[in-house]
Protein backbone atom coordinates (compact mmCIF):
# COMPACT_ATOMS: atom_id res chain seq x y z
CA UNK A 1 28.39 76.14 -12.36
CA UNK A 2 28.59 77.93 -9.71
CA UNK A 3 32.37 77.08 -8.86
CA UNK A 4 33.64 77.81 -12.50
CA UNK A 5 32.17 81.56 -12.62
CA UNK A 6 34.59 81.81 -8.78
CA UNK A 7 37.16 80.76 -10.81
CA UNK A 8 36.68 82.89 -13.98
CA UNK A 9 36.22 86.18 -11.79
CA UNK A 10 39.30 85.00 -9.88
CA UNK A 11 41.50 85.16 -13.09
CA UNK A 12 39.94 87.67 -14.26
CA UNK A 13 40.70 89.81 -11.17
CA UNK A 14 44.34 88.94 -11.82
CA UNK A 15 44.70 89.89 -15.24
CA UNK A 16 43.11 93.31 -14.41
CA UNK A 17 46.20 94.34 -12.52
CA UNK A 18 48.02 93.88 -15.95
CA UNK A 19 45.75 97.05 -17.07
CA UNK A 20 45.49 99.17 -14.14
CA UNK A 21 46.51 102.78 -14.75
CA UNK A 22 47.85 103.14 -11.35
CA UNK A 23 49.36 100.60 -11.20
CA UNK A 24 51.58 101.57 -14.61
CA UNK A 25 52.43 104.36 -13.02
CA UNK A 26 54.47 102.51 -10.27
CA UNK A 27 58.00 102.23 -9.40
CA UNK A 28 56.65 98.41 -9.31
CA UNK A 29 54.78 97.22 -12.04
CA UNK A 30 57.23 95.07 -13.59
CA UNK A 31 57.04 92.93 -9.98
CA UNK A 32 53.00 93.28 -9.85
CA UNK A 33 53.13 92.62 -13.73
CA UNK A 34 55.36 89.12 -13.54
CA UNK A 35 53.31 88.31 -10.18
CA UNK A 36 49.62 88.51 -11.39
CA UNK A 37 51.30 86.58 -14.62
CA UNK A 38 52.53 84.02 -12.05
CA UNK A 39 49.64 83.71 -10.36
CA UNK A 40 47.67 83.55 -13.67
CA UNK A 41 49.76 80.84 -15.23
CA UNK A 42 49.62 79.17 -11.72
CA UNK A 43 45.52 79.03 -12.22
CA UNK A 44 45.34 77.81 -15.36
CA UNK A 45 44.13 74.70 -14.65
CA UNK A 46 40.30 76.51 -13.90
CA UNK A 47 40.63 76.73 -17.94
CA UNK A 48 39.78 73.97 -19.92
CA UNK A 49 42.75 72.06 -21.70
CA UNK A 50 42.01 73.93 -24.80
CA UNK A 51 41.03 77.67 -23.51
CA UNK A 52 44.46 76.27 -21.59
CA UNK A 53 46.89 76.12 -24.11
CA UNK A 54 45.91 79.62 -25.56
CA UNK A 55 45.49 81.40 -22.48
CA UNK A 56 49.63 80.51 -22.15
CA UNK A 57 50.25 82.24 -25.76
CA UNK A 58 48.21 84.98 -24.57
CA UNK A 59 50.58 85.49 -21.22
CA UNK A 60 53.43 84.80 -23.28
CA UNK A 61 52.84 87.66 -25.92
CA UNK A 62 52.09 89.89 -22.81
CA UNK A 63 55.22 89.16 -21.25
CA UNK A 64 57.19 89.28 -24.48
CA UNK A 65 55.72 92.75 -25.33
CA UNK A 66 53.83 91.02 -28.30
CA UNK A 67 50.68 92.05 -27.12
CA UNK A 68 49.84 95.53 -25.29
CA UNK A 69 46.59 94.70 -23.14
CA UNK A 70 44.18 97.14 -23.01
CA UNK A 71 42.12 98.70 -20.21
CA UNK A 72 38.63 96.90 -19.54
CA UNK A 73 39.08 93.96 -21.50
CA UNK A 74 39.25 90.37 -20.47
CA UNK A 75 42.10 87.69 -20.20
CA UNK A 76 39.16 85.10 -21.89
CA UNK A 77 38.34 88.07 -24.56
CA UNK A 78 42.23 87.69 -25.52
CA UNK A 79 41.80 84.09 -25.21
CA UNK A 80 38.84 83.48 -27.23
CA UNK A 81 40.59 86.15 -29.86
CA UNK A 82 43.39 84.65 -29.78
CA UNK A 83 42.26 80.43 -30.69
CA UNK A 84 39.07 82.57 -33.51
CA UNK A 85 42.38 83.85 -34.87
CA UNK A 86 44.87 80.53 -34.84
CA UNK A 87 41.73 78.14 -36.11
CA UNK A 88 40.79 80.17 -38.88
CA UNK A 89 44.61 80.70 -39.99
CA UNK A 90 44.84 76.56 -39.53
CA UNK A 91 41.37 76.36 -40.82
CA UNK A 92 42.27 78.78 -44.09
CA UNK A 93 45.35 76.67 -44.55
CA UNK A 94 43.62 73.93 -44.89
CA UNK A 95 41.42 75.03 -47.16
CA UNK A 96 43.16 76.29 -49.18
CA UNK A 97 45.41 73.00 -49.91
CA UNK A 98 41.79 71.26 -50.61
CA UNK A 99 39.91 74.02 -52.43
CA UNK A 100 37.28 74.94 -49.90
CA UNK A 101 35.31 78.39 -48.97
CA UNK A 102 37.83 79.23 -45.80
CA UNK A 103 34.83 81.13 -44.35
CA UNK A 104 32.42 78.14 -45.05
CA UNK A 105 34.23 75.78 -43.53
CA UNK A 106 35.18 78.17 -40.36
CA UNK A 107 31.87 78.72 -39.80
CA UNK A 108 30.90 74.85 -39.73
CA UNK A 109 33.45 74.20 -37.42
CA UNK A 110 32.10 76.55 -35.29
CA UNK A 111 29.37 75.50 -34.93
CA UNK A 112 29.85 71.43 -34.18
CA UNK A 113 30.21 70.96 -30.70
CA UNK A 114 29.48 66.76 -30.45
CA UNK A 115 27.69 65.04 -31.72
CA UNK A 116 26.77 64.80 -35.11
CA UNK A 117 28.16 67.77 -38.07
CA UNK A 118 25.06 69.33 -39.68
CA UNK A 119 24.48 67.18 -42.74
CA UNK A 120 23.02 69.76 -44.58
CA UNK A 121 25.50 72.20 -44.22
CA UNK A 122 28.43 69.36 -44.46
CA UNK A 123 26.45 68.17 -47.90
CA UNK A 124 26.91 71.41 -49.28
CA UNK A 125 30.52 72.51 -48.36
CA UNK A 126 31.51 69.28 -49.98
CA UNK A 127 30.10 70.03 -52.74
CA UNK A 128 31.44 73.46 -53.29
CA UNK A 129 34.79 71.93 -53.02
CA UNK A 130 36.86 72.95 -56.44
CA UNK A 131 37.55 69.21 -57.94
CA UNK A 132 40.53 70.44 -59.80
CA UNK A 133 42.66 71.31 -56.25
CA UNK A 134 41.09 68.22 -54.79
CA UNK A 135 42.44 65.87 -56.96
CA UNK A 136 46.18 67.26 -57.16
CA UNK A 137 45.85 67.22 -53.11
CA UNK A 138 44.98 63.69 -53.26
CA UNK A 139 46.81 62.53 -56.35
CA UNK A 140 43.99 60.25 -57.34
CA UNK A 141 41.12 60.54 -59.58
CA UNK A 142 37.90 62.90 -58.37
CA UNK A 143 35.80 59.81 -57.48
CA UNK A 144 38.88 58.55 -54.83
CA UNK A 145 39.67 61.52 -53.99
CA UNK A 146 35.83 62.62 -52.71
CA UNK A 147 36.02 59.97 -50.88
CA UNK A 148 38.65 60.66 -49.26
CA UNK A 149 38.21 63.99 -49.14
CA UNK A 150 34.62 63.14 -47.45
CA UNK A 151 36.17 61.53 -44.51
CA UNK A 152 39.35 63.37 -44.09
CA UNK A 153 36.28 66.68 -43.90
CA UNK A 154 34.25 64.47 -41.33
CA UNK A 155 37.15 63.96 -39.25
CA UNK A 156 39.07 67.40 -39.59
CA UNK A 157 35.34 69.05 -37.63
CA UNK A 158 34.81 66.90 -35.30
CA UNK A 159 38.18 66.29 -34.20
CA UNK A 160 38.84 69.71 -33.46
CA UNK A 161 41.95 69.18 -35.57
CA UNK A 162 42.95 73.17 -36.19
CA UNK A 163 42.78 73.37 -32.25
CA UNK A 164 45.08 71.03 -31.79
CA UNK A 165 47.70 70.69 -34.16
CA UNK A 166 50.38 72.74 -34.16
CA UNK A 167 50.66 75.69 -35.46
CA UNK A 168 53.35 76.05 -38.60
């Protein structure tokens, strides 16, 4: 645990270089920024696999001028924001296809860590589905659609599908 804290502090220290006002005004800012980003990239292995994926997106957006880093905001904050935004987008797309409330699905998705999906919340979410949209999505009768949906929804949450499916 102590090593993870040291690793996180190291990445944050490198990230702070990007936002330092006295560095921004120097002639070497672009070089210092590039060196800091390169150092962060070299040490992304300190993060979890999923954090690494989003960290690369954050760094790419910084390099391409899409993301302007705010002073005092931490690297891990950006990673978390990107992760949540992209997860919400993917979950909304899936929820819209099957006829679920995307906010309710996102809440259940976030609560799941490992083991078991909360059965009561899962059941409530399933019951809230738009059955006409669900039948259309699976192109079958209600009974079969509900069975397929139960299996797919549980798998979607447990396998953290929104974390790993390609953005599109």
